[in-house]
Amino acid sequence: MTDEDDITNDEENIPVMEEDAEASIESLERDLQYARAEIANIRSRASRERADLIRYSSSQLGLRMLDVLRSLELAIESSKDSADSTLEGVRLTAESMRSALSSEGIVEIAIEDGVFDPSRMEAIAAIPAPDDVDSGSVLQIIETGYMIHDRVLRPAKVVVSE
């Protein structure tokens, strides 16, 4: 065989190689189209799931609060009998509500050592400090504050010493 025969054979194989390459390209383009469609479906599904999560995120808290509402209704019904049983019913309901909130990560802000913490508290008034109290101390809690996990849900409203 001569070099000229090799060239002729190579030229005869070129159309076959081109057909294989075109088929391969078409196959890859179909695969790419399917992959793009799958990605679009995944994004759409994730968007729907995110919207549902936001919409129904308070379901567990709602279920717990329905139990609290039922307790309050029972306390109101029992108030016909005596004021003591009503007071006890309301106290138990408040404990039930605290427990429900706590299970969702909502807890009271603790006022540690009576020191004012502006990141968790709101000073609604400042009065002169008594002799035995340091400046910047919490003298009175007007409204309890709450945290949800590590974020302030509602700051505590306090009176501080100047």
N, C-alpha and C. Protein backbone atom coordinates (compact mmCIF):
# COMPACT_ATOMS: atom_id res chain seq x y z
N MET A 1 0.82 -1.18 0.00
CA MET A 1 0.00 0.00 0.00
C MET A 1 0.86 1.24 0.00
N THR A 2 0.42 2.19 -0.70
CA THR A 2 1.17 3.43 -0.80
C THR A 2 0.48 4.51 -0.01
N ASP A 3 1.17 5.63 0.11
CA ASP A 3 0.58 6.76 0.82
C ASP A 3 -0.68 7.25 0.14
N GLU A 4 -0.72 7.10 -1.18
CA GLU A 4 -1.88 7.55 -1.93
C GLU A 4 -3.11 6.71 -1.59
N ASP A 5 -2.94 5.41 -1.35
CA ASP A 5 -4.05 4.53 -0.99
C ASP A 5 -4.59 4.90 0.39
N ASP A 6 -3.71 5.26 1.33
CA ASP A 6 -4.13 5.66 2.66
C ASP A 6 -5.01 6.90 2.61
N ILE A 7 -4.64 7.85 1.78
CA ILE A 7 -5.41 9.09 1.65
C ILE A 7 -6.79 8.78 1.09
N THR A 8 -6.89 7.92 0.12
CA THR A 8 -8.16 7.56 -0.49
C THR A 8 -9.06 6.88 0.54
N ASN A 9 -8.52 5.97 1.31
CA ASN A 9 -9.30 5.29 2.33
C ASN A 9 -9.80 6.26 3.39
N ASP A 10 -8.97 7.20 3.79
CA ASP A 10 -9.37 8.19 4.78
C ASP A 10 -10.50 9.05 4.27
N GLU A 11 -10.45 9.42 3.00
CA GLU A 11 -11.50 10.25 2.42
C GLU A 11 -12.82 9.50 2.38
N GLU A 12 -12.80 8.21 2.17
CA GLU A 12 -14.02 7.41 2.14
C GLU A 12 -14.63 7.31 3.54
N ASN A 13 -13.83 7.35 4.60
CA ASN A 13 -14.32 7.25 5.99
C ASN A 13 -14.87 8.58 6.51
N ILE A 14 -14.53 9.68 5.87
CA ILE A 14 -14.96 10.99 6.36
C ILE A 14 -16.48 11.11 6.40
N PRO A 15 -17.23 10.74 5.37
CA PRO A 15 -18.69 10.85 5.46
C PRO A 15 -19.26 10.02 6.61
N VAL A 16 -18.71 8.86 6.86
CA VAL A 16 -19.18 8.01 7.95
C VAL A 16 -18.91 8.69 9.28
N MET A 17 -17.72 9.28 9.43
CA MET A 17 -17.37 9.97 10.68
C MET A 17 -18.26 11.19 10.87
N GLU A 18 -18.57 11.90 9.79
CA GLU A 18 -19.43 13.07 9.89
C GLU A 18 -20.84 12.68 10.31
N GLU A 19 -21.35 11.58 9.79
CA GLU A 19 -22.68 11.10 10.15
C GLU A 19 -22.71 10.72 11.64
N ASP A 20 -21.65 10.02 12.10
CA ASP A 20 -21.56 9.66 13.52
C ASP A 20 -21.49 10.90 14.39
N ALA A 21 -20.72 11.90 13.96
CA ALA A 21 -20.57 13.14 14.73
C ALA A 21 -21.90 13.89 14.78
N GLU A 22 -22.61 13.93 13.65
CA GLU A 22 -23.91 14.63 13.62
C GLU A 22 -24.92 13.92 14.52
N ALA A 23 -24.92 12.60 14.48
CA ALA A 23 -25.83 11.84 15.35
C ALA A 23 -25.48 12.06 16.81
N SER A 24 -24.21 12.11 17.10
CA SER A 24 -23.75 12.34 18.47
C SER A 24 -24.15 13.74 18.93
N ILE A 25 -23.99 14.72 18.04
CA ILE A 25 -24.36 16.11 18.38
C ILE A 25 -25.86 16.21 18.63
N GLU A 26 -26.68 15.57 17.79
CA GLU A 26 -28.12 15.58 17.97
C GLU A 26 -28.51 14.93 19.30
N SER A 27 -27.86 13.84 19.62
CA SER A 27 -28.12 13.16 20.88
C SER A 27 -27.76 14.05 22.07
N LEU A 28 -26.63 14.70 21.99
CA LEU A 28 -26.21 15.60 23.07
C LEU A 28 -27.14 16.80 23.18
N GLU A 29 -27.61 17.33 22.03
CA GLU A 29 -28.55 18.45 22.07
C GLU A 29 -29.88 18.03 22.72
N ARG A 30 -30.37 16.82 22.44
CA ARG A 30 -31.59 16.30 23.09
C ARG A 30 -31.37 16.17 24.59
N ASP A 31 -30.22 15.60 24.96
CA ASP A 31 -29.91 15.45 26.38
C ASP A 31 -29.85 16.81 27.07
N LEU A 32 -29.25 17.78 26.40
CA LEU A 32 -29.17 19.13 26.96
C LEU A 32 -30.57 19.72 27.12
N GLN A 33 -31.43 19.52 26.14
CA GLN A 33 -32.79 20.04 26.21
C GLN A 33 -33.55 19.38 27.37
N TYR A 34 -33.40 18.07 27.53
CA TYR A 34 -34.04 17.37 28.65
C TYR A 34 -33.51 17.88 29.98
N ALA A 35 -32.21 18.10 30.06
CA ALA A 35 -31.61 18.59 31.30
C ALA A 35 -32.13 19.98 31.64
N ARG A 36 -32.24 20.83 30.62
CA ARG A 36 -32.78 22.18 30.86
C ARG A 36 -34.23 22.12 31.33
N ALA A 37 -35.02 21.25 30.74
CA ALA A 37 -36.42 21.09 31.15
C ALA A 37 -36.49 20.59 32.59
N GLU A 38 -35.62 19.65 32.94
CA GLU A 38 -35.60 19.12 34.31
C GLU A 38 -35.23 20.21 35.31
N ILE A 39 -34.25 21.02 34.96
CA ILE A 39 -33.85 22.13 35.84
C ILE A 39 -35.01 23.11 36.02
N ALA A 40 -35.72 23.41 34.94
CA ALA A 40 -36.88 24.31 35.03
C ALA A 40 -37.95 23.71 35.93
N ASN A 41 -38.17 22.39 35.82
CA ASN A 41 -39.15 21.72 36.68
C ASN A 41 -38.73 21.75 38.14
N ILE A 42 -37.46 21.53 38.39
CA ILE A 42 -36.95 21.56 39.77
C ILE A 42 -37.12 22.96 40.36
N ARG A 43 -36.78 23.98 39.59
CA ARG A 43 -36.94 25.36 40.08
C ARG A 43 -38.40 25.66 40.37
N SER A 44 -39.29 25.25 39.49
CA SER A 44 -40.71 25.49 39.68
C SER A 44 -41.23 24.78 40.93
N ARG A 45 -40.81 23.51 41.11
CA ARG A 45 -41.23 22.75 42.29
C ARG A 45 -40.68 23.38 43.56
N ALA A 46 -39.43 23.81 43.54
CA ALA A 46 -38.83 24.45 44.73
C ALA A 46 -39.55 25.75 45.05
N SER A 47 -39.93 26.50 44.04
CA SER A 47 -40.65 27.75 44.26
C SER A 47 -42.01 27.47 44.90
N ARG A 48 -42.72 26.46 44.40
CA ARG A 48 -44.02 26.10 44.99
C ARG A 48 -43.86 25.64 46.43
N GLU A 49 -42.84 24.81 46.67
CA GLU A 49 -42.62 24.30 48.03
C GLU A 49 -42.26 25.44 48.98
N ARG A 50 -41.45 26.39 48.51
CA ARG A 50 -41.08 27.54 49.33
C ARG A 50 -42.31 28.38 49.66
N ALA A 51 -43.17 28.60 48.68
CA ALA A 51 -44.40 29.38 48.89
C ALA A 51 -45.31 28.66 49.89
N ASP A 52 -45.43 27.34 49.76
CA ASP A 52 -46.25 26.57 50.70
C ASP A 52 -45.66 26.62 52.11
N LEU A 53 -44.35 26.52 52.19
CA LEU A 53 -43.69 26.57 53.50
C LEU A 53 -43.98 27.90 54.19
N ILE A 54 -43.87 28.99 53.44
CA ILE A 54 -44.15 30.31 54.01
C ILE A 54 -45.62 30.42 54.40
N ARG A 55 -46.49 29.94 53.52
CA ARG A 55 -47.93 30.07 53.76
C ARG A 55 -48.40 29.26 54.96
N TYR A 56 -47.85 28.06 55.11
CA TYR A 56 -48.34 27.16 56.16
C TYR A 56 -47.36 26.98 57.30
N SER A 57 -46.37 27.84 57.42
CA SER A 57 -45.36 27.67 58.45
C SER A 57 -45.92 27.79 59.87
N SER A 58 -47.00 28.48 60.03
CA SER A 58 -47.56 28.66 61.37
C SER A 58 -48.58 27.59 61.73
N SER A 59 -48.67 26.53 60.95
CA SER A 59 -49.66 25.48 61.20
C SER A 59 -49.47 24.84 62.58
N GLN A 60 -48.23 24.48 62.92
CA GLN A 60 -48.00 23.84 64.22
C GLN A 60 -48.36 24.76 65.37
N LEU A 61 -47.98 26.04 65.26
CA LEU A 61 -48.34 27.00 66.31
C LEU A 61 -49.86 27.15 66.37
N GLY A 62 -50.50 27.18 65.21
CA GLY A 62 -51.96 27.29 65.17
C GLY A 62 -52.63 26.13 65.88
N LEU A 63 -52.15 24.92 65.65
CA LEU A 63 -52.71 23.75 66.32
C LEU A 63 -52.57 23.86 67.84
N ARG A 64 -51.40 24.33 68.29
CA ARG A 64 -51.20 24.47 69.73
C ARG A 64 -52.08 25.57 70.31
N MET A 65 -52.27 26.64 69.55
CA MET A 65 -53.11 27.74 70.04
C MET A 65 -54.59 27.34 70.09
N LEU A 66 -55.01 26.41 69.23
CA LEU A 66 -56.38 25.92 69.29
C LEU A 66 -56.63 25.21 70.61
N ASP A 67 -55.63 24.48 71.10
CA ASP A 67 -55.76 23.86 72.42
C ASP A 67 -55.89 24.92 73.51
N VAL A 68 -55.11 25.99 73.38
CA VAL A 68 -55.18 27.08 74.35
C VAL A 68 -56.55 27.74 74.30
N LEU A 69 -57.07 27.97 73.09
CA LEU A 69 -58.40 28.56 72.94
C LEU A 69 -59.45 27.69 73.61
N ARG A 70 -59.35 26.38 73.41
CA ARG A 70 -60.30 25.47 74.05
C ARG A 70 -60.21 25.58 75.56
N SER A 71 -59.02 25.71 76.11
CA SER A 71 -58.85 25.86 77.56
C SER A 71 -59.51 27.14 78.04
N LEU A 72 -59.36 28.22 77.29
CA LEU A 72 -60.00 29.48 77.67
C LEU A 72 -61.53 29.35 77.63
N GLU A 73 -62.03 28.67 76.61
CA GLU A 73 -63.48 28.47 76.52
C GLU A 73 -63.98 27.68 77.72
N LEU A 74 -63.24 26.65 78.13
CA LEU A 74 -63.62 25.88 79.32
C LEU A 74 -63.57 26.73 80.58
N ALA A 75 -62.57 27.61 80.67
CA ALA A 75 -62.46 28.50 81.84
C ALA A 75 -63.65 29.45 81.89
N ILE A 76 -64.08 29.94 80.74
CA ILE A 76 -65.24 30.84 80.70
C ILE A 76 -66.50 30.09 81.12
N GLU A 77 -66.66 28.88 80.64
CA GLU A 77 -67.82 28.07 81.02
C GLU A 77 -67.82 27.78 82.52
N SER A 78 -66.65 27.51 83.08
CA SER A 78 -66.58 27.18 84.50
C SER A 78 -66.72 28.40 85.39
N SER A 79 -66.63 29.61 84.83
CA SER A 79 -66.74 30.82 85.65
C SER A 79 -68.13 30.97 86.24
N LYS A 80 -69.07 30.27 85.68
CA LYS A 80 -70.44 30.29 86.23
C LYS A 80 -70.47 29.68 87.62
N ASP A 81 -69.56 28.72 87.86
CA ASP A 81 -69.54 28.01 89.14
C ASP A 81 -68.88 28.86 90.23
N SER A 82 -67.63 29.32 90.00
CA SER A 82 -66.95 30.13 91.02
C SER A 82 -65.80 30.90 90.39
N ALA A 83 -65.44 31.99 91.02
CA ALA A 83 -64.34 32.82 90.53
C ALA A 83 -63.00 32.10 90.71
N ASP A 84 -62.87 31.29 91.77
CA ASP A 84 -61.62 30.57 92.01
C ASP A 84 -61.31 29.58 90.88
N SER A 85 -62.33 28.88 90.41
CA SER A 85 -62.10 27.91 89.33
C SER A 85 -61.77 28.64 88.03
N THR A 86 -62.34 29.83 87.84
CA THR A 86 -62.02 30.62 86.65
C THR A 86 -60.57 31.06 86.68
N LEU A 87 -60.13 31.55 87.82
CA LEU A 87 -58.75 31.99 87.97
C LEU A 87 -57.78 30.83 87.73
N GLU A 88 -58.10 29.69 88.27
CA GLU A 88 -57.25 28.50 88.08
C GLU A 88 -57.24 28.10 86.60
N GLY A 89 -58.37 28.15 85.95
CA GLY A 89 -58.46 27.81 84.52
C GLY A 89 -57.63 28.76 83.67
N VAL A 90 -57.68 30.04 83.96
CA VAL A 90 -56.91 31.03 83.22
C VAL A 90 -55.42 30.84 83.48
N ARG A 91 -55.03 30.53 84.72
CA ARG A 91 -53.64 30.29 85.05
C ARG A 91 -53.11 29.08 84.28
N LEU A 92 -53.88 28.00 84.24
CA LEU A 92 -53.47 26.80 83.50
C LEU A 92 -53.39 27.08 82.01
N THR A 93 -54.29 27.91 81.50
CA THR A 93 -54.27 28.27 80.09
C THR A 93 -53.02 29.08 79.76
N ALA A 94 -52.65 30.01 80.63
CA ALA A 94 -51.43 30.80 80.41
C ALA A 94 -50.21 29.88 80.39
N GLU A 95 -50.16 28.91 81.29
CA GLU A 95 -49.05 27.95 81.29
C GLU A 95 -49.04 27.14 79.99
N SER A 96 -50.21 26.74 79.52
CA SER A 96 -50.31 25.99 78.28
C SER A 96 -49.83 26.83 77.10
N MET A 97 -50.17 28.11 77.10
CA MET A 97 -49.73 29.00 76.02
C MET A 97 -48.21 29.19 76.05
N ARG A 98 -47.64 29.39 77.23
CA ARG A 98 -46.19 29.51 77.34
C ARG A 98 -45.49 28.25 76.81
N SER A 99 -46.04 27.11 77.15
CA SER A 99 -45.48 25.83 76.70
C SER A 99 -45.56 25.71 75.17
N ALA A 100 -46.69 26.09 74.60
CA ALA A 100 -46.87 26.02 73.14
C ALA A 100 -45.88 26.96 72.44
N LEU A 101 -45.73 28.16 72.96
CA LEU A 101 -44.80 29.12 72.36
C LEU A 101 -43.36 28.62 72.50
N SER A 102 -43.03 28.08 73.66
CA SER A 102 -41.69 27.58 73.90
C SER A 102 -41.35 26.43 72.94
N SER A 103 -42.31 25.59 72.66
CA SER A 103 -42.06 24.48 71.74
C SER A 103 -41.80 24.97 70.32
N GLU A 104 -42.22 26.18 70.00
CA GLU A 104 -41.94 26.78 68.69
C GLU A 104 -40.69 27.66 68.72
N GLY A 105 -40.00 27.70 69.88
CA GLY A 105 -38.76 28.48 69.98
C GLY A 105 -38.97 29.90 70.46
N ILE A 106 -40.17 30.22 70.93
CA ILE A 106 -40.47 31.58 71.41
C ILE A 106 -40.41 31.56 72.94
N VAL A 107 -39.45 32.32 73.48
CA VAL A 107 -39.26 32.36 74.93
C VAL A 107 -39.14 33.81 75.40
N GLU A 108 -39.39 34.00 76.69
CA GLU A 108 -39.27 35.33 77.28
C GLU A 108 -37.81 35.76 77.31
N ILE A 109 -37.59 37.07 77.17
CA ILE A 109 -36.25 37.62 77.30
C ILE A 109 -35.94 37.72 78.79
N ALA A 110 -34.86 37.09 79.18
CA ALA A 110 -34.45 37.12 80.59
C ALA A 110 -33.70 38.43 80.86
N ILE A 111 -34.07 39.09 81.92
CA ILE A 111 -33.37 40.31 82.34
C ILE A 111 -32.30 39.86 83.34
N GLU A 112 -31.07 39.66 82.81
CA GLU A 112 -30.00 39.11 83.62
C GLU A 112 -29.34 40.18 84.47
N ASP A 113 -29.28 39.96 85.75
CA ASP A 113 -28.63 40.84 86.72
C ASP A 113 -29.18 42.27 86.67
N GLY A 114 -30.33 42.46 86.08
CA GLY A 114 -30.93 43.79 86.03
C GLY A 114 -30.16 44.77 85.17
N VAL A 115 -29.31 44.29 84.27
CA VAL A 115 -28.50 45.16 83.42
C VAL A 115 -29.24 45.42 82.11
N PHE A 116 -29.32 46.69 81.71
CA PHE A 116 -29.99 47.08 80.47
C PHE A 116 -29.19 46.61 79.26
N ASP A 117 -29.85 45.91 78.35
CA ASP A 117 -29.24 45.42 77.11
C ASP A 117 -30.03 46.01 75.94
N PRO A 118 -29.48 47.05 75.28
CA PRO A 118 -30.23 47.72 74.22
C PRO A 118 -30.52 46.83 73.01
N SER A 119 -29.83 45.72 72.86
CA SER A 119 -30.10 44.83 71.73
C SER A 119 -31.35 43.97 71.96
N ARG A 120 -31.79 43.89 73.23
CA ARG A 120 -32.97 43.07 73.55
C ARG A 120 -34.04 43.84 74.31
N MET A 121 -33.75 45.09 74.65
CA MET A 121 -34.68 45.86 75.46
C MET A 121 -34.87 47.26 74.88
N GLU A 122 -36.02 47.83 75.23
CA GLU A 122 -36.33 49.20 74.83
C GLU A 122 -36.60 49.99 76.11
N ALA A 123 -35.80 51.04 76.33
CA ALA A 123 -35.99 51.87 77.51
C ALA A 123 -37.10 52.87 77.21
N ILE A 124 -38.21 52.76 77.93
CA ILE A 124 -39.30 53.70 77.67
C ILE A 124 -39.26 54.88 78.64
N ALA A 125 -38.44 54.75 79.69
CA ALA A 125 -38.26 55.86 80.63
C ALA A 125 -36.94 55.67 81.36
N ALA A 126 -36.37 56.81 81.77
CA ALA A 126 -35.15 56.78 82.58
C ALA A 126 -35.39 57.66 83.78
N ILE A 127 -35.14 57.12 84.95
CA ILE A 127 -35.34 57.90 86.18
C ILE A 127 -34.03 57.92 86.96
N PRO A 128 -33.88 58.91 87.84
CA PRO A 128 -32.65 58.96 88.65
C PRO A 128 -32.46 57.66 89.44
N ALA A 129 -31.24 57.22 89.50
CA ALA A 129 -30.93 55.96 90.17
C ALA A 129 -31.01 56.12 91.67
N PRO A 130 -31.66 55.18 92.36
CA PRO A 130 -31.59 55.19 93.82
C PRO A 130 -30.14 54.97 94.27
N ASP A 131 -29.86 55.25 95.51
CA ASP A 131 -28.49 55.18 96.03
C ASP A 131 -27.84 53.80 95.85
N ASP A 132 -28.58 52.75 96.02
CA ASP A 132 -27.99 51.41 95.98
C ASP A 132 -28.03 50.76 94.58
N VAL A 133 -28.41 51.52 93.55
CA VAL A 133 -28.53 50.97 92.20
C VAL A 133 -27.59 51.69 91.24
N ASP A 134 -26.90 50.93 90.40
CA ASP A 134 -25.99 51.51 89.41
C ASP A 134 -26.78 52.13 88.27
N SER A 135 -26.14 53.08 87.60
CA SER A 135 -26.73 53.69 86.42
C SER A 135 -26.81 52.63 85.31
N GLY A 136 -27.91 52.64 84.54
CA GLY A 136 -28.09 51.68 83.46
C GLY A 136 -28.69 50.37 83.91
N SER A 137 -29.22 50.34 85.12
CA SER A 137 -29.86 49.13 85.62
C SER A 137 -31.36 49.16 85.31
N VAL A 138 -31.94 48.00 85.10
CA VAL A 138 -33.37 47.90 84.87
C VAL A 138 -34.07 48.00 86.22
N LEU A 139 -34.94 49.00 86.33
CA LEU A 139 -35.68 49.18 87.58
C LEU A 139 -37.05 48.51 87.54
N GLN A 140 -37.66 48.52 86.36
CA GLN A 140 -39.01 47.96 86.25
C GLN A 140 -39.22 47.42 84.83
N ILE A 141 -39.88 46.30 84.74
CA ILE A 141 -40.25 45.73 83.45
C ILE A 141 -41.70 46.10 83.18
N ILE A 142 -41.91 46.90 82.14
CA ILE A 142 -43.26 47.33 81.79
C ILE A 142 -43.95 46.27 80.94
N GLU A 143 -43.23 45.73 79.97
CA GLU A 143 -43.78 44.70 79.10
C GLU A 143 -42.70 43.66 78.81
N THR A 144 -43.05 42.41 78.98
CA THR A 144 -42.10 41.32 78.75
C THR A 144 -41.74 41.24 77.28
N GLY A 145 -40.46 41.02 77.00
CA GLY A 145 -40.00 40.83 75.64
C GLY A 145 -39.86 39.36 75.32
N TYR A 146 -39.82 39.05 74.02
CA TYR A 146 -39.73 37.65 73.60
C TYR A 146 -38.69 37.49 72.49
N MET A 147 -38.04 36.33 72.51
CA MET A 147 -37.07 35.93 71.49
C MET A 147 -37.66 34.75 70.74
N ILE A 148 -37.34 34.66 69.45
CA ILE A 148 -37.64 33.44 68.70
C ILE A 148 -36.29 32.90 68.26
N HIS A 149 -35.92 31.81 68.86
CA HIS A 149 -34.58 31.22 68.71
C HIS A 149 -33.54 32.26 69.10
N ASP A 150 -32.76 32.79 68.17
CA ASP A 150 -31.71 33.74 68.54
C ASP A 150 -32.04 35.17 68.11
N ARG A 151 -33.28 35.43 67.71
CA ARG A 151 -33.68 36.77 67.28
C ARG A 151 -34.72 37.36 68.22
N VAL A 152 -34.68 38.69 68.33
CA VAL A 152 -35.68 39.38 69.15
C VAL A 152 -36.98 39.43 68.36
N LEU A 153 -38.03 38.90 68.96
CA LEU A 153 -39.36 38.96 68.36
C LEU A 153 -40.03 40.26 68.78
N ARG A 154 -39.97 40.55 70.07
CA ARG A 154 -40.47 41.81 70.61
C ARG A 154 -39.56 42.20 71.77
N PRO A 155 -38.97 43.41 71.72
CA PRO A 155 -38.07 43.79 72.81
C PRO A 155 -38.83 44.01 74.13
N ALA A 156 -38.14 43.79 75.22
CA ALA A 156 -38.73 44.06 76.52
C ALA A 156 -38.77 45.58 76.72
N LYS A 157 -39.87 46.08 77.24
CA LYS A 157 -40.00 47.51 77.53
C LYS A 157 -39.73 47.70 79.01
N VAL A 158 -38.71 48.53 79.30
CA VAL A 158 -38.25 48.64 80.68
C VAL A 158 -38.04 50.10 81.06
N VAL A 159 -37.99 50.32 82.37
CA VAL A 159 -37.60 51.60 82.95
C VAL A 159 -36.19 51.41 83.48
N VAL A 160 -35.27 52.31 83.11
CA VAL A 160 -33.87 52.18 83.53
C VAL A 160 -33.47 53.34 84.43
N SER A 161 -32.40 53.12 85.16
CA SER A 161 -31.85 54.18 86.02
C SER A 161 -30.84 55.01 85.24
N GLU A 162 -30.80 56.30 85.53
CA GLU A 162 -29.86 57.19 84.86
C GLU A 162 -28.51 57.19 85.55
